[in-house]
């Protein structure tokens, strides 16, 4: 009985931590994507300026 409780508890904890880590990873990835987007936009703007396209 106690064994079952421990197993259930550990599964529950691992699910919660798994969700948390997934959330953190997703947040980090989103931030990196936004950063890349910003850099790309900056580069494109620079190229347009050099070519005289506005």
Protein backbone atom coordinates (compact mmCIF):
# COMPACT_ATOMS: atom_id res chain seq x y z
CA UNK A 1 0.00 0.00 0.00
CA UNK A 2 2.75 2.42 1.01
CA UNK A 3 4.76 1.36 -2.05
CA UNK A 4 1.87 2.24 -4.34
CA UNK A 5 1.50 5.64 -2.67
CA UNK A 6 5.21 6.38 -3.15
CA UNK A 7 5.07 5.37 -6.82
CA UNK A 8 1.97 7.49 -7.43
CA UNK A 9 3.61 10.45 -5.70
CA UNK A 10 6.85 10.14 -7.68
CA UNK A 11 4.92 9.88 -10.96
CA UNK A 12 2.91 12.97 -10.04
CA UNK A 13 6.06 14.91 -9.12
CA UNK A 14 7.84 13.89 -12.32
CA UNK A 15 4.82 15.00 -14.40
CA UNK A 16 4.71 18.38 -12.63
CA UNK A 17 8.46 18.90 -13.05
CA UNK A 18 8.27 17.73 -16.65
CA UNK A 19 5.57 20.32 -17.37
CA UNK A 20 7.61 23.02 -15.63
CA UNK A 21 10.76 22.21 -17.59
CA UNK A 22 8.80 22.07 -20.85
CA UNK A 23 7.33 25.48 -20.04
CA UNK A 24 10.75 26.91 -19.23
CA UNK A 25 12.25 25.46 -22.42
CA UNK A 26 9.38 26.83 -24.50
CA UNK A 27 9.79 30.26 -22.92
CA UNK A 28 13.53 30.20 -23.62
CA UNK A 29 12.96 29.09 -27.21
CA UNK A 30 10.39 31.83 -27.77
CA UNK A 31 12.82 34.43 -26.44
CA UNK A 32 15.58 33.14 -28.74
CA UNK A 33 13.23 33.17 -31.73
CA UNK A 34 12.24 36.76 -31.00
CA UNK A 35 15.93 37.68 -30.75
CA UNK A 36 16.68 36.00 -34.09
CA UNK A 37 13.69 37.75 -35.65
CA UNK A 38 14.95 41.10 -34.37
CA UNK A 39 18.45 40.49 -35.76
CA UNK A 40 17.07 39.29 -39.11
CA UNK A 41 14.84 42.35 -39.41
CA UNK A 42 17.81 44.56 -38.60
CA UNK A 43 19.96 42.89 -41.26
CA UNK A 44 17.20 43.15 -43.90
CA UNK A 45 16.71 46.84 -43.07
CA UNK A 46 20.45 47.42 -43.37
CA UNK A 47 20.58 45.68 -46.75
CA UNK A 48 17.57 47.70 -47.97
CA UNK A 49 19.26 50.92 -46.84
CA UNK A 50 22.47 49.97 -48.68
CA UNK A 51 20.52 49.20 -51.84
CA UNK A 52 18.48 52.37 -51.50
CA UNK A 53 15.16 50.57 -51.11
CA UNK A 54 12.80 52.04 -48.52
